[in-house]
């Protein structure tokens, strides 16, 4: 999400046209899907045979969000949050296991201000892979580095076009790493842009085996000559790798795009098509990702969710037919009522930090990665979160458990978790196999708490709609003084080996100063009730 200032200015110029009126209140009729064929695919060498260099020299640029953002007008006026948790529970019962530094920003290159971190990780049978802006690293499950950090762009060495522009280029952004537990494969994706961030290509690498340091099947997808596929989020589902984008064109915002990539073809390294739908009335979809050993029913669609108003979410059901793409459907929206909320910071910047007037971005205008799906046999659940204003702080975390997404989806429970006068934001949520939840996030205040890493959670026996009191994972010693950007997304997920151990990654600043010094923190968490 590293759009240049020129692009930002151009988008601001069209803000009144793109986001005014009742555009966000209307829903497009079902339209035919667009089919995109990979423009190139091949199989790489083992990753160790590619360059370990990082970008050097060149220009230093500050990362910006695209403008304008979609603002939920109904959620900018402060309202009483009826979901705000008032009951104080004992400290979260999950125990912290590993707790170590992940990839630092220096892995992005000495002259690149890779801000925010875009910190993200995935866990496999024996390895853990972390990604930040342009780099990735492979660890064993004891937290020891076994490969890297290396530039993600090195995975795409020799490819034609934007994806192959090389490790010395600054024009890569928004990486995601996933582990497909059904096939024991890794998926690493990144957006490659032109020098003005007006055109974006999706670069996807799918490992040939369960070894993240081996060979990858590589793919390039182009969305148009003047189309930028921003803020990509991906997921694993039995029939496809699903993805979402906020799509921009030179005249402004085009819509939220949902795509299905042919998983079976990509696992074998064959040519693979993508099937995409665009909704002009939606913003920042999240696609559902399968957690746990029990899969969705055969043929069950993937679910896409986004914020739509101060009192509702929108759910869509994506059925992809790669044999006959025109039979694919993207059904919705299904409106899911929620308790009224006010977006944190009006959807933008206001998170306080000590020893600086600089405030941080809440990203309160969107749901936060991931939309985690789990099939318990007697019911299916989706869990997700976003940042909201609270009675005492700039930001707390609204979280939801949605049940029966393939039937009549309803909010089974919801809550707004707060922490006295501290702001909580940039969260990620997941469930283990017995229904325990873990919620990781950043925490800060204006006087004494530098943006740090913390978590909370709940067990099924807790009072409905509540989380236990938080625990600190890592106390930072610095504030971000150079930019208002923070994190962009974090990642809480489950280790498929035991379906009980949570892994979480977030960013922090070691000493007050420029975000170019950020570091990431990786921790494991486990509830004693999960065996």
Protein backbone atom coordinates (compact mmCIF):
# COMPACT_ATOMS: atom_id res chain seq x y z
CA UNK A 1 0.00 0.00 0.00
CA UNK A 2 2.85 2.35 -0.81
CA UNK A 3 1.17 4.81 -3.19
CA UNK A 4 3.21 7.80 -4.21
CA UNK A 5 2.31 11.37 -3.32
CA UNK A 6 1.29 12.07 -6.92
CA UNK A 7 -1.25 9.30 -6.87
CA UNK A 8 -2.58 10.48 -3.52
CA UNK A 9 -3.06 14.00 -4.82
CA UNK A 10 -4.87 12.75 -7.89
CA UNK A 11 -7.24 10.70 -5.80
CA UNK A 12 -7.94 13.58 -3.43
CA UNK A 13 -8.96 15.64 -6.42
CA UNK A 14 -11.76 13.24 -7.24
CA UNK A 15 -12.88 12.54 -3.68
CA UNK A 16 -16.10 14.56 -3.95
CA UNK A 17 -17.10 12.66 -7.05
CA UNK A 18 -16.26 9.15 -5.95
CA UNK A 19 -17.52 9.15 -2.36
CA UNK A 20 -20.34 11.68 -2.26
CA UNK A 21 -24.06 11.17 -2.62
CA UNK A 22 -25.74 7.86 -1.86
CA UNK A 23 -23.20 5.68 -3.67
CA UNK A 24 -22.44 3.64 -0.56
CA UNK A 25 -26.13 3.07 0.09
CA UNK A 26 -26.79 1.38 -3.24
CA UNK A 27 -25.89 -2.16 -4.20
CA UNK A 28 -24.96 -3.29 -7.66
CA UNK A 29 -26.99 -5.98 -9.32
CA UNK A 30 -25.23 -9.29 -9.92
CA UNK A 31 -22.90 -8.90 -12.91
CA UNK A 32 -20.98 -11.44 -14.92
CA UNK A 33 -17.55 -12.34 -13.58
CA UNK A 34 -14.37 -11.15 -15.20
CA UNK A 35 -11.89 -13.91 -16.04
CA UNK A 36 -8.17 -13.06 -15.81
CA UNK A 37 -5.56 -15.49 -17.12
CA UNK A 38 -2.05 -15.47 -15.72
CA UNK A 39 0.20 -13.50 -18.05
CA UNK A 40 3.13 -15.72 -17.11
CA UNK A 41 3.85 -18.77 -14.96
CA UNK A 42 6.81 -21.03 -14.32
CA UNK A 43 8.62 -22.89 -11.53
CA UNK A 44 11.52 -21.26 -9.71
CA UNK A 45 14.87 -22.51 -8.59
CA UNK A 46 15.28 -23.22 -4.85
CA UNK A 47 15.06 -19.84 -3.13
CA UNK A 48 18.65 -20.07 -1.85
CA UNK A 49 19.89 -19.67 -5.42
CA UNK A 50 18.45 -16.15 -5.78
CA UNK A 51 20.08 -12.90 -4.69
CA UNK A 52 20.17 -12.07 -0.97
CA UNK A 53 20.69 -8.37 -1.74
CA UNK A 54 18.43 -5.61 -0.46
CA UNK A 55 17.53 -2.32 -2.22
CA UNK A 56 20.34 0.22 -1.95
CA UNK A 57 20.38 3.95 -2.60
CA UNK A 58 17.56 5.54 -4.50
CA UNK A 59 14.87 7.72 -3.02
CA UNK A 60 13.40 7.55 0.43
CA UNK A 61 9.64 7.73 0.32
CA UNK A 62 6.89 7.84 2.90
CA UNK A 63 4.14 5.32 2.62
CA UNK A 64 0.63 6.70 2.28
CA UNK A 65 -2.88 5.32 2.11
CA UNK A 66 -4.81 5.99 -1.07
CA UNK A 67 -7.17 8.89 -0.80
CA UNK A 68 -10.01 9.20 -0.54
CA UNK A 69 -10.97 6.51 1.91
CA UNK A 70 -14.48 5.17 2.13
CA UNK A 71 -15.94 6.88 5.19
CA UNK A 72 -19.05 5.50 6.82
CA UNK A 73 -20.84 8.79 7.39
CA UNK A 74 -23.21 7.17 9.86
CA UNK A 75 -20.24 5.95 11.92
CA UNK A 76 -18.43 9.29 12.30
CA UNK A 77 -20.99 10.78 14.70
CA UNK A 78 -20.24 9.56 18.25
CA UNK A 79 -22.85 7.19 19.64
CA UNK A 80 -23.07 5.16 22.81
CA UNK A 81 -21.39 1.81 22.14
CA UNK A 82 -23.86 -0.73 23.54
CA UNK A 83 -21.30 -3.50 23.01
CA UNK A 84 -18.58 -1.89 25.13
CA UNK A 85 -17.47 -4.35 27.77
CA UNK A 86 -18.04 -3.16 31.34
CA UNK A 87 -17.30 -6.42 33.15
CA UNK A 88 -13.68 -6.78 34.28
CA UNK A 89 -12.53 -10.39 34.02
CA UNK A 90 -9.32 -12.00 35.38
CA UNK A 91 -6.13 -11.81 33.27
CA UNK A 92 -6.32 -13.82 30.09
CA UNK A 93 -5.57 -17.46 30.86
CA UNK A 94 -3.53 -18.13 27.71
CA UNK A 95 0.17 -18.50 28.40
CA UNK A 96 2.93 -16.84 26.40
CA UNK A 97 5.48 -19.29 25.03
CA UNK A 98 7.99 -18.05 22.46
CA UNK A 99 8.51 -14.28 22.43
CA UNK A 100 11.21 -13.07 20.03
CA UNK A 101 12.14 -10.35 17.55
CA UNK A 102 11.15 -11.03 13.95
CA UNK A 103 12.28 -9.18 10.82
CA UNK A 104 13.47 -5.58 11.35
CA UNK A 105 12.89 -2.81 8.85
CA UNK A 106 16.58 -2.88 7.92
CA UNK A 107 15.76 -6.02 5.89
CA UNK A 108 13.82 -3.74 3.52
CA UNK A 109 17.01 -1.89 2.55
CA UNK A 110 18.90 0.90 4.24
CA UNK A 111 17.37 3.70 2.18
CA UNK A 112 13.83 2.41 2.03
CA UNK A 113 11.34 3.68 4.55
CA UNK A 114 9.16 0.59 4.58
CA UNK A 115 6.42 2.05 6.70
CA UNK A 116 4.09 0.64 7.88
CA UNK A 117 5.47 -2.84 8.50
CA UNK A 118 2.72 -4.96 6.89
CA UNK A 119 3.74 -7.61 9.40
CA UNK A 120 2.26 -11.01 8.64
CA UNK A 121 3.15 -14.66 9.24
CA UNK A 122 2.07 -18.22 8.54
CA UNK A 123 2.76 -21.50 10.33
CA UNK A 124 3.30 -24.89 8.73
CA UNK A 125 4.12 -28.39 9.89
CA UNK A 126 7.73 -27.62 10.84
CA UNK A 127 8.39 -24.02 9.74
CA UNK A 128 7.15 -20.46 10.28
CA UNK A 129 7.37 -17.77 7.60
CA UNK A 130 7.17 -14.04 8.33
CA UNK A 131 6.78 -11.26 5.78
CA UNK A 132 7.15 -7.50 6.09
CA UNK A 133 6.98 -4.84 3.34
CA UNK A 134 9.48 -6.34 0.92
CA UNK A 135 11.23 -9.11 2.88
CA UNK A 136 10.55 -12.59 4.24
CA UNK A 137 12.27 -14.96 6.65
CA UNK A 138 11.87 -18.65 7.50
CA UNK A 139 12.11 -19.90 11.10
CA UNK A 140 11.89 -23.28 12.75
CA UNK A 141 9.26 -23.71 15.45
CA UNK A 142 11.76 -22.85 18.16
CA UNK A 143 12.02 -19.36 16.62
CA UNK A 144 15.47 -19.92 15.08
CA UNK A 145 16.04 -18.41 11.65
CA UNK A 146 16.78 -21.04 9.02
CA UNK A 147 16.67 -18.81 5.92
CA UNK A 148 16.70 -15.10 5.19
CA UNK A 149 15.72 -12.42 5.51
CA UNK A 150 15.50 -12.25 1.75
CA UNK A 151 13.64 -9.90 -0.57
CA UNK A 152 10.23 -11.27 -1.58
CA UNK A 153 10.96 -9.91 -5.06
CA UNK A 154 13.85 -12.40 -5.27
CA UNK A 155 11.20 -15.13 -5.52
CA UNK A 156 10.16 -13.57 -8.82
CA UNK A 157 13.66 -13.16 -10.31
CA UNK A 158 13.60 -13.39 -14.10
CA UNK A 159 9.86 -12.93 -14.54
CA UNK A 160 8.65 -10.50 -17.19
CA UNK A 161 7.00 -7.21 -16.33
CA UNK A 162 6.48 -5.56 -12.98
CA UNK A 163 6.81 -8.73 -10.89
CA UNK A 164 10.33 -9.25 -12.25
CA UNK A 165 11.61 -5.67 -11.87
CA UNK A 166 14.19 -6.92 -9.37
CA UNK A 167 15.39 -6.76 -5.81
CA UNK A 168 16.76 -3.23 -6.23
CA UNK A 169 13.30 -1.83 -6.99
CA UNK A 170 11.31 -0.01 -4.33
CA UNK A 171 7.98 -0.72 -6.01
CA UNK A 172 6.68 -3.73 -4.07
CA UNK A 173 4.04 -3.61 -1.36
CA UNK A 174 1.39 -5.38 0.75
CA UNK A 175 2.78 -8.93 1.08
CA UNK A 176 0.75 -11.83 2.45
CA UNK A 177 2.02 -15.26 3.44
CA UNK A 178 -0.35 -18.22 4.00
CA UNK A 179 0.01 -21.92 4.68
CA UNK A 180 -2.37 -24.29 2.91
CA UNK A 181 -2.73 -27.01 5.55
CA UNK A 182 -4.85 -29.14 3.19
CA UNK A 183 -1.95 -29.46 0.72
CA UNK A 184 1.01 -28.58 2.99
CA UNK A 185 2.09 -25.70 0.76
CA UNK A 186 3.14 -22.08 1.26
CA UNK A 187 1.64 -19.13 -0.62
CA UNK A 188 3.54 -15.84 -0.74
CA UNK A 189 2.07 -12.88 -2.60
CA UNK A 190 3.06 -9.27 -3.14
CA UNK A 191 1.88 -6.37 -5.30
CA UNK A 192 4.39 -5.09 -7.87
CA UNK A 193 3.79 -1.53 -9.07
CA UNK A 194 5.09 0.85 -11.67
CA UNK A 195 7.17 3.81 -10.48
CA UNK A 196 4.08 5.99 -9.96
CA UNK A 197 1.98 3.29 -8.30
CA UNK A 198 -0.73 3.68 -10.94
CA UNK A 199 -0.49 0.13 -12.30
CA UNK A 200 -0.29 -2.94 -10.08
CA UNK A 201 0.31 -6.63 -10.81
CA UNK A 202 -0.31 -9.49 -8.39
CA UNK A 203 2.75 -11.74 -7.96
CA UNK A 204 1.91 -15.14 -6.45
CA UNK A 205 4.32 -17.92 -5.48
CA UNK A 206 3.03 -21.36 -4.40
CA UNK A 207 5.61 -23.72 -2.94
CA UNK A 208 6.27 -27.03 -4.64
CA UNK A 209 6.49 -28.81 -1.26
CA UNK A 210 6.07 -28.17 2.48
CA UNK A 211 9.61 -26.71 2.56
CA UNK A 212 9.44 -22.91 2.43
CA UNK A 213 13.06 -22.78 1.28
CA UNK A 214 12.48 -24.91 -1.83
CA UNK A 215 11.03 -24.26 -5.28
CA UNK A 216 7.89 -22.25 -6.03
CA UNK A 217 5.34 -22.15 -8.85
CA UNK A 218 5.25 -18.48 -9.85
CA UNK A 219 2.39 -16.48 -11.36
CA UNK A 220 1.82 -12.96 -12.67
CA UNK A 221 -1.67 -11.42 -12.93
CA UNK A 222 -2.47 -8.08 -14.56
CA UNK A 223 -5.69 -6.21 -13.80
CA UNK A 224 -5.50 -3.49 -16.45
CA UNK A 225 -3.26 -0.86 -18.00
CA UNK A 226 -4.19 1.81 -15.43
CA UNK A 227 -5.49 -0.25 -12.53
CA UNK A 228 -3.93 -0.46 -9.10
CA UNK A 229 -4.97 -3.45 -6.96
CA UNK A 230 -4.38 -2.05 -3.49
CA UNK A 231 -4.43 -3.62 0.00
CA UNK A 232 -4.66 -7.23 -1.14
CA UNK A 233 -5.85 -9.83 1.39
CA UNK A 234 -5.75 -13.54 0.58
CA UNK A 235 -7.19 -16.72 2.06
CA UNK A 236 -7.14 -20.48 1.61
CA UNK A 237 -10.37 -22.35 0.84
CA UNK A 238 -10.78 -25.93 -0.48
CA UNK A 239 -11.63 -24.93 -4.06
CA UNK A 240 -9.55 -21.76 -4.52
CA UNK A 241 -7.18 -19.19 -3.15
CA UNK A 242 -9.48 -16.22 -2.59
CA UNK A 243 -8.36 -12.60 -2.60
CA UNK A 244 -9.73 -9.10 -2.11
CA UNK A 245 -8.52 -5.73 -3.36
CA UNK A 246 -9.44 -2.07 -3.19
CA UNK A 247 -9.15 -1.14 -6.86
CA UNK A 248 -8.11 2.32 -8.01
CA UNK A 249 -7.95 3.89 -11.46
CA UNK A 250 -6.57 7.35 -12.33
CA UNK A 251 -9.99 8.94 -11.88
CA UNK A 252 -10.50 7.47 -8.41
CA UNK A 253 -11.89 4.47 -6.60
CA UNK A 254 -13.32 1.72 -8.79
CA UNK A 255 -14.61 -0.65 -6.11
CA UNK A 256 -13.89 -3.63 -3.88
CA UNK A 257 -12.80 -6.61 -5.94
CA UNK A 258 -13.14 -10.26 -4.94
CA UNK A 259 -11.11 -12.85 -6.87
CA UNK A 260 -10.79 -16.62 -6.86
CA UNK A 261 -7.51 -18.15 -8.08
CA UNK A 262 -7.52 -21.72 -9.38
CA UNK A 263 -5.91 -23.50 -6.42
CA UNK A 264 -5.66 -26.96 -8.01
CA UNK A 265 -3.86 -25.59 -11.06
CA UNK A 266 -1.48 -23.52 -8.95
CA UNK A 267 -0.58 -26.45 -6.72
CA UNK A 268 0.60 -28.31 -9.81
CA UNK A 269 2.27 -25.34 -11.51
CA UNK A 270 -0.17 -25.32 -14.44
CA UNK A 271 -1.67 -22.23 -16.04
CA UNK A 272 -4.27 -20.80 -13.67
CA UNK A 273 -7.14 -18.41 -14.22
CA UNK A 274 -8.67 -15.97 -11.76
CA UNK A 275 -12.39 -15.19 -11.56
CA UNK A 276 -13.20 -11.72 -10.22
CA UNK A 277 -16.23 -9.65 -9.23
CA UNK A 278 -16.16 -5.92 -8.45
CA UNK A 279 -18.63 -4.11 -6.17
CA UNK A 280 -18.55 -0.32 -6.33
CA UNK A 281 -20.58 -0.02 -3.13
CA UNK A 282 -18.22 -2.01 -0.91
CA UNK A 283 -14.77 -1.44 0.56
CA UNK A 284 -11.98 -3.61 1.97
CA UNK A 285 -13.49 -7.07 1.73
CA UNK A 286 -11.96 -9.83 3.81
CA UNK A 287 -12.12 -13.40 2.40
CA UNK A 288 -12.67 -16.32 4.79
CA UNK A 289 -9.72 -18.58 5.61
CA UNK A 290 -10.18 -22.19 6.75
CA UNK A 291 -8.74 -22.92 10.20
CA UNK A 292 -8.83 -26.39 11.75
CA UNK A 293 -9.03 -29.95 10.48
CA UNK A 294 -12.77 -30.00 9.75
CA UNK A 295 -13.33 -28.50 6.33
CA UNK A 296 -16.42 -26.72 5.01
CA UNK A 297 -19.03 -28.92 3.36
CA UNK A 298 -18.21 -29.97 -0.19
CA UNK A 299 -19.03 -27.14 -2.58
CA UNK A 300 -19.60 -24.60 0.19
CA UNK A 301 -18.85 -21.06 -1.03
CA UNK A 302 -16.17 -18.83 0.40
CA UNK A 303 -17.41 -15.89 2.46
CA UNK A 304 -16.47 -12.23 2.00
CA UNK A 305 -17.25 -9.64 4.67
CA UNK A 306 -16.90 -5.87 4.99
CA UNK A 307 -18.07 -2.94 7.11
CA UNK A 308 -21.04 -1.24 5.51
CA UNK A 309 -22.66 1.09 8.04
CA UNK A 310 -22.53 2.02 11.72
CA UNK A 311 -25.01 -0.78 12.40
CA UNK A 312 -24.29 -3.45 9.81
CA UNK A 313 -21.83 -5.73 8.08
CA UNK A 314 -22.25 -7.07 4.55
CA UNK A 315 -21.62 -10.74 3.79
CA UNK A 316 -21.19 -12.21 0.29
CA UNK A 317 -20.91 -15.84 -0.87
CA UNK A 318 -18.44 -16.59 -3.65
CA UNK A 319 -18.84 -19.81 -5.65
CA UNK A 320 -16.08 -20.22 -8.24
CA UNK A 321 -16.50 -22.50 -11.25
CA UNK A 322 -13.16 -22.76 -13.05
CA UNK A 323 -14.51 -25.20 -15.65
CA UNK A 324 -17.27 -22.80 -16.70
CA UNK A 325 -16.31 -19.41 -15.20
CA UNK A 326 -19.56 -17.74 -16.28
CA UNK A 327 -21.37 -20.05 -13.85
CA UNK A 328 -19.48 -18.47 -10.95
CA UNK A 329 -21.57 -16.39 -8.54
CA UNK A 330 -20.95 -13.70 -5.96
CA UNK A 331 -24.19 -13.55 -4.00
CA UNK A 332 -25.06 -10.72 -1.66
CA UNK A 333 -25.06 -8.53 0.16
CA UNK A 334 -26.58 -10.24 3.15
CA UNK A 335 -26.98 -7.55 5.79
CA UNK A 336 -25.86 -8.58 9.29
CA UNK A 337 -27.08 -6.14 11.97
CA UNK A 338 -24.55 -5.24 14.67
CA UNK A 339 -24.65 -2.94 17.69
CA UNK A 340 -23.98 0.66 16.71
CA UNK A 341 -20.38 1.86 16.77
CA UNK A 342 -18.33 4.95 16.04
CA UNK A 343 -15.25 4.44 13.89
CA UNK A 344 -11.99 5.00 15.74
CA UNK A 345 -10.57 8.41 14.77
CA UNK A 346 -13.40 8.89 12.29
CA UNK A 347 -11.72 6.14 10.29
CA UNK A 348 -8.32 7.83 10.22
CA UNK A 349 -5.60 9.30 12.46
CA UNK A 350 -5.80 10.03 16.22
CA UNK A 351 -4.01 7.29 18.22
CA UNK A 352 -1.82 9.06 20.84
CA UNK A 353 1.78 8.23 21.81
CA UNK A 354 4.12 9.55 24.52
CA UNK A 355 6.66 12.33 23.91
CA UNK A 356 5.32 13.43 20.53
CA UNK A 357 2.39 15.30 19.03
CA UNK A 358 2.40 12.74 16.21
CA UNK A 359 -0.80 10.65 16.16
CA UNK A 360 -1.14 7.25 14.51
CA UNK A 361 -3.53 5.81 11.95
CA UNK A 362 -6.30 3.62 13.37
CA UNK A 363 -7.48 2.12 10.06
CA UNK A 364 -10.89 2.33 11.68
CA UNK A 365 -12.57 2.38 8.27
CA UNK A 366 -12.19 -1.37 7.62
CA UNK A 367 -12.26 -4.86 9.04
CA UNK A 368 -8.86 -6.14 10.08
CA UNK A 369 -7.07 -9.21 8.69
CA UNK A 370 -8.01 -12.14 9.05
CA UNK A 371 -11.58 -13.38 8.61
CA UNK A 372 -11.04 -16.74 10.31
CA UNK A 373 -13.48 -19.59 9.56
CA UNK A 374 -13.91 -22.72 11.65
CA UNK A 375 -16.26 -25.70 11.31
CA UNK A 376 -17.11 -27.20 14.73
CA UNK A 377 -19.37 -29.86 13.28
CA UNK A 378 -22.56 -28.63 14.93
CA UNK A 379 -21.98 -25.03 13.81
CA UNK A 380 -19.72 -22.85 11.65
CA UNK A 381 -18.16 -19.63 12.91
CA UNK A 382 -16.45 -16.59 11.45
CA UNK A 383 -14.47 -14.27 13.75
CA UNK A 384 -13.25 -10.79 12.84
CA UNK A 385 -12.59 -7.34 14.37
CA UNK A 386 -12.23 -3.61 13.69
CA UNK A 387 -11.25 -0.45 15.64
CA UNK A 388 -13.91 1.75 17.25
CA UNK A 389 -14.08 4.81 19.49
CA UNK A 390 -14.63 4.10 23.19
CA UNK A 391 -15.86 6.17 26.12
CA UNK A 392 -12.34 6.64 27.53
CA UNK A 393 -9.87 6.20 24.68
CA UNK A 394 -9.36 6.98 21.03
CA UNK A 395 -9.74 3.34 20.05
CA UNK A 396 -10.92 -0.02 21.31
CA UNK A 397 -11.57 -3.24 19.46
CA UNK A 398 -15.01 -4.37 18.32
CA UNK A 399 -14.99 -8.13 17.70
CA UNK A 400 -17.63 -10.50 16.35
CA UNK A 401 -18.40 -14.20 16.20
CA UNK A 402 -20.79 -14.80 13.30
CA UNK A 403 -22.48 -18.18 13.05
CA UNK A 404 -24.20 -20.02 10.20
CA UNK A 405 -22.65 -17.94 7.39
CA UNK A 406 -23.95 -20.38 4.77
CA UNK A 407 -27.48 -20.32 6.17
CA UNK A 408 -28.94 -17.38 8.06
CA UNK A 409 -25.83 -15.57 9.32
CA UNK A 410 -26.24 -13.98 12.74
CA UNK A 411 -23.97 -12.36 15.30
CA UNK A 412 -23.66 -15.01 18.00
CA UNK A 413 -21.67 -12.64 20.19
CA UNK A 414 -19.97 -9.26 19.91
CA UNK A 415 -18.08 -6.97 22.22
CA UNK A 416 -15.97 -3.82 22.32
CA UNK A 417 -12.82 -4.50 24.30
CA UNK A 418 -11.16 -1.53 26.03
CA UNK A 419 -8.30 -0.90 28.46
CA UNK A 420 -8.86 2.09 30.73
CA UNK A 421 -7.36 5.14 28.97
CA UNK A 422 -5.18 3.14 26.59
CA UNK A 423 -5.95 2.98 22.89
CA UNK A 424 -6.10 -0.49 21.35
CA UNK A 425 -5.97 -1.01 17.59
CA UNK A 426 -4.40 -2.94 14.68
CA UNK A 427 -5.86 -6.23 15.97
CA UNK A 428 -6.13 -9.76 14.63
CA UNK A 429 -8.40 -12.53 15.93
CA UNK A 430 -8.52 -16.34 15.70
CA UNK A 431 -10.07 -19.40 17.40
CA UNK A 432 -8.56 -22.74 18.41
CA UNK A 433 -10.18 -26.16 18.05
CA UNK A 434 -12.13 -25.97 21.34
CA UNK A 435 -13.45 -22.45 20.74
CA UNK A 436 -10.94 -20.36 22.71
CA UNK A 437 -10.24 -17.00 21.06
CA UNK A 438 -7.02 -14.98 21.03
CA UNK A 439 -6.99 -11.30 20.06
CA UNK A 440 -3.63 -9.58 19.49
CA UNK A 441 -3.22 -5.81 19.08
CA UNK A 442 -1.15 -2.65 19.55
CA UNK A 443 -1.66 -0.61 22.73
CA UNK A 444 -0.65 3.01 23.45
CA UNK A 445 -1.48 6.17 25.40
CA UNK A 446 -0.33 9.80 25.37
CA UNK A 447 1.57 9.85 28.66
CA UNK A 448 3.54 6.71 29.42
CA UNK A 449 2.72 3.73 27.20
CA UNK A 450 4.68 3.58 23.94
CA UNK A 451 2.96 1.58 21.17
CA UNK A 452 3.43 -1.95 22.49
CA UNK A 453 2.24 -5.47 21.71
CA UNK A 454 -0.49 -7.09 23.82
CA UNK A 455 -3.28 -9.65 23.63
CA UNK A 456 -6.45 -10.84 25.27
CA UNK A 457 -8.80 -13.74 24.72
CA UNK A 458 -11.69 -15.79 26.02
CA UNK A 459 -12.71 -19.36 26.70
CA UNK A 460 -16.18 -20.70 25.87
CA UNK A 461 -17.19 -20.64 29.55
CA UNK A 462 -16.61 -16.90 29.90
CA UNK A 463 -19.57 -14.54 30.04
CA UNK A 464 -20.85 -14.03 26.51
CA UNK A 465 -19.63 -10.93 24.64
CA UNK A 466 -16.59 -10.47 26.91
CA UNK A 467 -12.83 -10.88 26.73
CA UNK A 468 -10.55 -11.57 29.68
CA UNK A 469 -8.14 -8.83 30.85
CA UNK A 470 -5.14 -8.26 28.61
CA UNK A 471 -1.52 -9.32 28.97
CA UNK A 472 1.50 -7.55 27.52
CA UNK A 473 3.61 -9.47 25.01
CA UNK A 474 6.27 -6.78 24.58
CA UNK A 475 6.68 -3.29 26.09
CA UNK A 476 8.17 -0.88 23.57
CA UNK A 477 10.39 2.08 24.41
CA UNK A 478 9.70 4.37 21.48
CA UNK A 479 7.09 6.37 19.60
CA UNK A 480 6.80 6.87 15.84
CA UNK A 481 7.66 10.52 15.10
CA UNK A 482 8.17 10.47 11.34
CA UNK A 483 4.78 9.42 9.96
CA UNK A 484 1.27 8.58 11.15
CA UNK A 485 1.39 5.11 9.60
CA UNK A 486 1.37 2.05 11.86
CA UNK A 487 1.25 -1.65 11.10
CA UNK A 488 -1.32 -1.72 8.30
CA UNK A 489 -2.22 -5.25 9.44
CA UNK A 490 -1.08 -7.86 11.93
CA UNK A 491 -1.66 -11.60 12.05
CA UNK A 492 -3.08 -13.99 14.67
CA UNK A 493 -3.34 -17.58 13.47
CA UNK A 494 -3.35 -21.21 14.58
CA UNK A 495 -0.57 -23.78 14.35
CA UNK A 496 -2.05 -26.61 12.24
CA UNK A 497 0.14 -29.17 14.01
CA UNK A 498 -1.86 -29.07 17.25
CA UNK A 499 -4.73 -26.67 16.41
CA UNK A 500 -4.18 -25.12 19.84
CA UNK A 501 -1.09 -22.89 19.62
CA UNK A 502 -1.67 -19.31 18.44
CA UNK A 503 1.10 -17.36 16.69
CA UNK A 504 0.97 -13.55 16.61
CA UNK A 505 3.13 -10.86 14.97
CA UNK A 506 3.01 -7.07 15.34
CA UNK A 507 5.43 -4.14 15.08
CA UNK A 508 7.08 -1.78 17.60
CA UNK A 509 9.65 1.07 17.70
CA UNK A 510 12.70 0.34 19.90
CA UNK A 511 13.45 4.02 20.67
CA UNK A 512 11.50 7.16 19.86
CA UNK A 513 12.22 8.27 16.32
CA UNK A 514 11.68 7.41 12.70
CA UNK A 515 9.59 4.42 11.66
CA UNK A 516 12.54 3.37 9.54
CA UNK A 517 13.77 1.75 12.78
CA UNK A 518 10.71 -0.42 13.38
CA UNK A 519 11.04 -4.02 14.46
CA UNK A 520 8.54 -6.86 14.62
CA UNK A 521 7.69 -9.15 17.54
CA UNK A 522 6.55 -12.76 17.24
CA UNK A 523 4.90 -14.66 20.10
CA UNK A 524 3.11 -17.95 20.70
CA UNK A 525 0.07 -18.23 22.97
CA UNK A 526 -1.83 -21.22 24.27
CA UNK A 527 -4.84 -21.75 26.52
CA UNK A 528 -4.45 -24.55 29.10
CA UNK A 529 -7.94 -25.81 28.20
CA UNK A 530 -6.79 -26.78 24.69
CA UNK A 531 -5.12 -30.19 24.65
